[in-house]
N, C-alpha and C. Protein backbone atom coordinates (compact mmCIF):
# COMPACT_ATOMS: atom_id res chain seq x y z
N MET A 1 -149.06 -37.92 111.70
CA MET A 1 -148.63 -37.81 113.39
C MET A 1 -150.62 -37.78 113.32
N LYS A 2 -151.15 -38.24 114.01
CA LYS A 2 -152.46 -38.75 114.11
C LYS A 2 -152.92 -37.77 115.61
N GLU A 3 -153.77 -37.44 115.04
CA GLU A 3 -154.24 -35.75 116.01
C GLU A 3 -156.53 -35.84 116.34
N ILE A 4 -156.38 -35.17 117.51
CA ILE A 4 -157.71 -35.51 118.32
C ILE A 4 -157.80 -33.76 118.01
N THR A 5 -159.07 -33.78 118.70
CA THR A 5 -159.71 -32.04 118.93
C THR A 5 -159.47 -31.77 120.29
N SER A 6 -159.29 -30.48 120.87
CA SER A 6 -160.04 -30.53 122.54
C SER A 6 -161.66 -30.92 122.13
N ASN A 7 -162.37 -30.61 121.37
CA ASN A 7 -163.93 -31.55 121.85
C ASN A 7 -163.49 -32.78 121.75
N GLU A 8 -162.59 -33.13 120.65
CA GLU A 8 -163.42 -35.22 120.81
C GLU A 8 -162.55 -35.63 121.98
N VAL A 9 -162.02 -34.96 122.54
CA VAL A 9 -161.16 -35.10 123.84
C VAL A 9 -162.36 -35.44 125.26
N ALA A 10 -163.18 -34.23 125.03
CA ALA A 10 -163.76 -33.27 125.94
C ALA A 10 -165.13 -34.72 126.78
N VAL A 11 -165.81 -35.45 124.66
CA VAL A 11 -167.11 -35.88 124.89
C VAL A 11 -166.04 -36.96 124.82
N LYS A 12 -164.81 -37.80 124.86
CA LYS A 12 -164.75 -39.23 125.42
C LYS A 12 -164.66 -39.31 126.65
N LEU A 13 -164.42 -37.62 127.21
CA LEU A 13 -164.27 -38.69 128.70
C LEU A 13 -165.65 -37.81 129.32
N ALA A 14 -166.13 -37.47 129.33
CA ALA A 14 -168.18 -37.64 129.76
C ALA A 14 -168.50 -38.38 129.10
N GLU A 15 -167.70 -38.96 127.52
CA GLU A 15 -168.44 -40.73 127.67
C GLU A 15 -167.99 -41.77 128.75
N LYS A 16 -166.70 -41.36 129.72
CA LYS A 16 -165.76 -42.45 130.16
C LYS A 16 -165.51 -43.04 130.27
N GLU A 17 -164.82 -42.66 128.48
CA GLU A 17 -163.96 -43.86 127.94
C GLU A 17 -162.31 -43.65 128.90
N ASN A 18 -161.83 -44.54 128.44
CA ASN A 18 -160.65 -44.54 129.29
C ASN A 18 -159.82 -44.82 128.37
N LEU A 19 -159.69 -42.72 128.86
CA LEU A 19 -158.56 -41.92 128.01
C LEU A 19 -157.37 -41.79 128.76
N HIS A 20 -155.96 -41.80 128.57
CA HIS A 20 -154.11 -42.12 128.56
C HIS A 20 -154.15 -40.73 128.43
N ILE A 21 -154.11 -39.92 129.42
CA ILE A 21 -153.44 -38.27 128.39
C ILE A 21 -152.54 -37.86 130.01
N ILE A 22 -151.50 -37.76 128.16
CA ILE A 22 -149.96 -36.76 129.66
C ILE A 22 -149.28 -35.29 128.67
N ASP A 23 -149.61 -34.48 129.87
CA ASP A 23 -149.44 -32.82 129.99
C ASP A 23 -147.82 -32.83 129.94
N VAL A 24 -147.32 -32.68 128.83
CA VAL A 24 -146.11 -31.60 128.74
C VAL A 24 -145.46 -30.80 128.92
N ARG A 25 -146.55 -30.38 129.99
CA ARG A 25 -146.02 -28.23 129.75
C ARG A 25 -145.91 -28.86 131.32
N GLU A 26 -144.63 -27.74 131.51
CA GLU A 26 -143.68 -27.62 133.27
C GLU A 26 -144.36 -27.27 134.39
N ALA A 27 -144.58 -27.83 135.38
CA ALA A 27 -145.15 -27.84 136.97
C ALA A 27 -145.34 -26.65 137.27
N ASP A 28 -144.72 -24.92 136.65
CA ASP A 28 -146.01 -24.41 136.84
C ASP A 28 -146.74 -23.79 136.23
N GLU A 29 -146.71 -24.26 135.28
CA GLU A 29 -147.90 -24.48 133.97
C GLU A 29 -149.27 -25.36 134.52
N VAL A 30 -149.11 -26.36 134.40
CA VAL A 30 -149.81 -27.79 135.28
C VAL A 30 -150.78 -26.62 136.51
N ALA A 31 -149.81 -26.24 137.16
CA ALA A 31 -150.19 -25.70 138.66
C ALA A 31 -151.62 -24.67 137.85
N GLN A 32 -151.72 -23.86 136.70
CA GLN A 32 -152.36 -23.55 136.69
C GLN A 32 -154.01 -23.60 136.17
N GLY A 33 -153.93 -25.19 136.38
CA GLY A 33 -155.29 -25.99 135.46
C GLY A 33 -155.13 -27.36 135.00
N LYS A 34 -154.96 -28.47 134.56
CA LYS A 34 -154.89 -29.28 133.48
C LYS A 34 -156.56 -30.49 133.70
N ILE A 35 -155.84 -30.89 132.11
CA ILE A 35 -157.47 -31.79 132.51
C ILE A 35 -157.55 -33.24 133.11
N PRO A 36 -158.54 -33.29 134.15
CA PRO A 36 -159.24 -33.67 135.27
C PRO A 36 -158.33 -34.98 134.80
N GLY A 37 -157.26 -35.86 135.71
CA GLY A 37 -157.28 -37.47 135.98
C GLY A 37 -155.41 -37.38 134.38
N SER A 38 -154.87 -36.38 133.78
CA SER A 38 -154.01 -35.68 133.06
C SER A 38 -152.65 -36.99 134.09
N LEU A 39 -151.62 -37.20 132.28
CA LEU A 39 -150.18 -37.19 134.65
C LEU A 39 -149.28 -36.32 133.33
N ASN A 40 -148.47 -35.29 134.32
CA ASN A 40 -147.50 -34.69 134.48
C ASN A 40 -146.57 -35.07 133.87
N ILE A 41 -145.78 -34.50 132.52
CA ILE A 41 -144.36 -35.29 132.51
C ILE A 41 -143.77 -34.26 131.47
N PRO A 42 -143.18 -33.12 132.35
CA PRO A 42 -142.57 -31.87 131.01
C PRO A 42 -142.33 -32.59 130.32
N LEU A 43 -142.07 -31.72 128.90
CA LEU A 43 -140.84 -32.34 128.07
C LEU A 43 -140.06 -32.77 128.42
N GLY A 44 -138.95 -31.82 128.90
CA GLY A 44 -137.59 -31.95 129.20
C GLY A 44 -137.78 -33.67 130.18
N LEU A 45 -138.34 -34.15 131.00
CA LEU A 45 -138.60 -35.11 131.71
C LEU A 45 -138.91 -36.56 130.67
N LEU A 46 -139.66 -36.57 129.70
CA LEU A 46 -140.42 -37.70 128.86
C LEU A 46 -139.56 -38.44 128.43
N GLU A 47 -138.55 -37.82 128.15
CA GLU A 47 -136.94 -39.60 127.48
C GLU A 47 -136.97 -40.32 128.54
N PHE A 48 -136.48 -39.90 129.56
CA PHE A 48 -136.12 -40.49 131.61
C PHE A 48 -137.19 -40.61 132.00
N ARG A 49 -138.38 -41.06 131.70
CA ARG A 49 -139.61 -41.52 132.18
C ARG A 49 -141.07 -42.47 131.22
N MET A 50 -139.99 -42.08 130.23
CA MET A 50 -140.61 -43.31 128.99
C MET A 50 -141.00 -45.08 129.66
N HIS A 51 -140.06 -45.56 130.63
CA HIS A 51 -140.27 -47.15 131.24
C HIS A 51 -141.70 -46.53 131.64
N GLU A 52 -142.50 -45.73 132.44
CA GLU A 52 -143.21 -45.95 133.52
C GLU A 52 -144.64 -45.47 131.85
N LEU A 53 -144.57 -46.28 130.59
CA LEU A 53 -145.89 -45.88 129.92
C LEU A 53 -145.79 -47.83 129.64
N ASP A 54 -146.96 -47.40 128.97
CA ASP A 54 -146.98 -49.23 128.93
C ASP A 54 -147.52 -49.14 127.11
N LYS A 55 -146.69 -50.06 126.52
CA LYS A 55 -146.51 -49.15 125.26
C LYS A 55 -147.42 -49.69 124.11
N SER A 56 -149.19 -50.74 124.92
CA SER A 56 -149.99 -51.31 124.62
C SER A 56 -151.61 -50.13 124.83
N VAL A 57 -150.84 -49.14 124.86
CA VAL A 57 -152.15 -48.18 125.42
C VAL A 57 -151.88 -46.81 124.70
N GLU A 58 -152.51 -46.60 123.76
CA GLU A 58 -152.28 -45.39 123.77
C GLU A 58 -152.60 -43.93 124.26
N TYR A 59 -151.54 -42.90 123.83
CA TYR A 59 -152.27 -40.96 124.79
C TYR A 59 -151.86 -39.97 123.83
N THR A 60 -152.65 -39.66 125.01
CA THR A 60 -153.13 -38.89 123.99
C THR A 60 -152.21 -37.96 124.77
N ILE A 61 -151.11 -36.24 124.31
CA ILE A 61 -149.82 -35.87 124.87
C ILE A 61 -150.76 -34.47 124.06
N VAL A 62 -150.69 -33.48 125.96
CA VAL A 62 -151.36 -32.19 125.85
C VAL A 62 -150.38 -31.32 126.27
N CYS A 63 -149.93 -30.23 125.38
CA CYS A 63 -148.97 -28.76 125.87
C CYS A 63 -150.45 -27.85 126.30
N HIS A 64 -149.46 -26.80 125.78
CA HIS A 64 -149.92 -25.55 125.67
C HIS A 64 -151.28 -24.97 124.61
N SER A 65 -149.82 -25.46 123.43
CA SER A 65 -150.35 -24.97 121.96
C SER A 65 -150.71 -25.67 121.43
N GLY A 66 -149.84 -27.27 121.15
CA GLY A 66 -149.76 -27.72 120.36
C GLY A 66 -148.07 -28.24 119.94
N GLY A 67 -147.30 -26.97 120.20
CA GLY A 67 -145.79 -27.68 119.47
C GLY A 67 -145.18 -27.79 120.84
N ARG A 68 -145.67 -28.71 121.49
CA ARG A 68 -144.15 -29.30 121.76
C ARG A 68 -144.77 -30.61 122.27
N SER A 69 -146.43 -30.61 121.84
CA SER A 69 -147.15 -32.14 122.02
C SER A 69 -146.18 -32.39 120.90
N GLY A 70 -146.05 -31.68 119.85
CA GLY A 70 -145.66 -32.26 118.78
C GLY A 70 -144.77 -33.39 118.62
N MET A 71 -143.06 -32.81 119.55
CA MET A 71 -142.13 -32.81 119.96
C MET A 71 -142.35 -34.72 120.78
N ALA A 72 -143.13 -34.36 121.05
CA ALA A 72 -142.91 -35.18 122.57
C ALA A 72 -144.08 -36.66 121.44
N ILE A 73 -144.23 -36.53 120.70
CA ILE A 73 -145.36 -37.40 119.84
C ILE A 73 -144.48 -37.91 118.63
N GLN A 74 -143.28 -37.07 118.42
CA GLN A 74 -142.44 -37.93 117.61
C GLN A 74 -141.22 -38.97 118.41
N MET A 75 -140.86 -38.28 119.53
CA MET A 75 -140.11 -38.69 120.29
C MET A 75 -140.43 -40.25 120.89
N LEU A 76 -142.30 -40.08 121.07
CA LEU A 76 -142.60 -41.67 121.39
C LEU A 76 -142.65 -42.15 120.66
N GLU A 77 -142.86 -42.44 118.99
CA GLU A 77 -143.53 -42.52 118.43
C GLU A 77 -141.91 -43.61 117.82
N SER A 78 -140.75 -43.00 117.55
CA SER A 78 -139.59 -43.58 117.80
C SER A 78 -139.15 -44.84 118.90
N HIS A 79 -139.96 -44.50 119.74
CA HIS A 79 -139.77 -45.50 120.61
C HIS A 79 -140.69 -46.68 120.62
N GLY A 80 -141.84 -46.58 119.29
CA GLY A 80 -142.89 -47.81 119.68
C GLY A 80 -144.33 -47.15 120.35
N TYR A 81 -144.17 -46.12 121.07
CA TYR A 81 -145.60 -46.22 121.32
C TYR A 81 -146.55 -45.18 120.75
N LYS A 82 -148.12 -45.23 120.94
CA LYS A 82 -148.64 -45.55 120.23
C LYS A 82 -149.15 -43.71 120.56
N VAL A 83 -149.71 -42.53 120.10
CA VAL A 83 -149.34 -41.90 120.95
C VAL A 83 -150.38 -40.57 119.70
N VAL A 84 -151.10 -39.79 120.55
CA VAL A 84 -151.95 -38.82 119.99
C VAL A 84 -151.64 -37.54 120.18
N ASN A 85 -151.95 -36.44 118.96
CA ASN A 85 -152.40 -35.15 119.75
C ASN A 85 -153.59 -34.99 119.95
N MET A 86 -153.51 -34.02 120.99
CA MET A 86 -153.82 -32.61 121.08
C MET A 86 -154.28 -31.61 120.84
N THR A 87 -154.60 -31.61 119.36
CA THR A 87 -154.49 -30.02 118.36
C THR A 87 -155.03 -28.71 119.40
N GLY A 88 -154.43 -27.94 119.47
CA GLY A 88 -154.46 -26.45 120.42
C GLY A 88 -154.03 -26.36 121.42
N GLY A 89 -153.94 -27.42 122.11
CA GLY A 89 -153.19 -27.65 123.39
C GLY A 89 -154.48 -27.22 124.41
N MET A 90 -154.24 -26.65 125.12
CA MET A 90 -154.96 -26.33 126.46
C MET A 90 -155.56 -25.04 126.16
N LEU A 91 -154.90 -24.06 124.89
CA LEU A 91 -155.42 -23.10 124.67
C LEU A 91 -156.98 -23.17 123.92
N ALA A 92 -157.39 -24.26 123.17
CA ALA A 92 -158.40 -24.70 122.75
C ALA A 92 -159.16 -25.54 123.65
N TRP A 93 -158.80 -25.99 125.09
CA TRP A 93 -159.47 -27.01 125.73
C TRP A 93 -160.81 -25.59 126.60
N GLU A 94 -161.64 -26.63 126.61
CA GLU A 94 -162.85 -25.90 126.66
C GLU A 94 -163.72 -26.37 128.24
N GLY A 95 -163.10 -28.03 128.37
CA GLY A 95 -163.78 -28.31 128.90
C GLY A 95 -162.76 -28.20 130.75
N ALA A 96 -163.53 -29.35 131.66
CA ALA A 96 -163.25 -28.85 133.40
C ALA A 96 -161.64 -28.92 133.69
N ILE A 97 -161.09 -28.03 134.32
CA ILE A 97 -159.83 -28.40 134.46
C ILE A 97 -159.89 -28.43 136.57
N GLU A 98 -158.48 -29.49 136.43
CA GLU A 98 -158.45 -29.93 138.29
C GLU A 98 -157.16 -29.19 138.38
């Protein structure tokens, strides 16, 4: 599984790199704050919303601590998507939230 740290994500965002971040937490968790520009697709709905994603794009997957994002990674990779797991999830995130 390909991984990226929360600090590496923050640097890429600061450098205006075009990141595609999917937050797989539940809506009530996301309401407490998410990485600016991230798309919320709760893990339980991911299988049904995969068709919204582009297989030519790499997605950074985020959850609360890294467990659910790992499950999302396995599911998406098995369907041919390019994905990377943000280690530590939102617990490790020190950047801005919206």
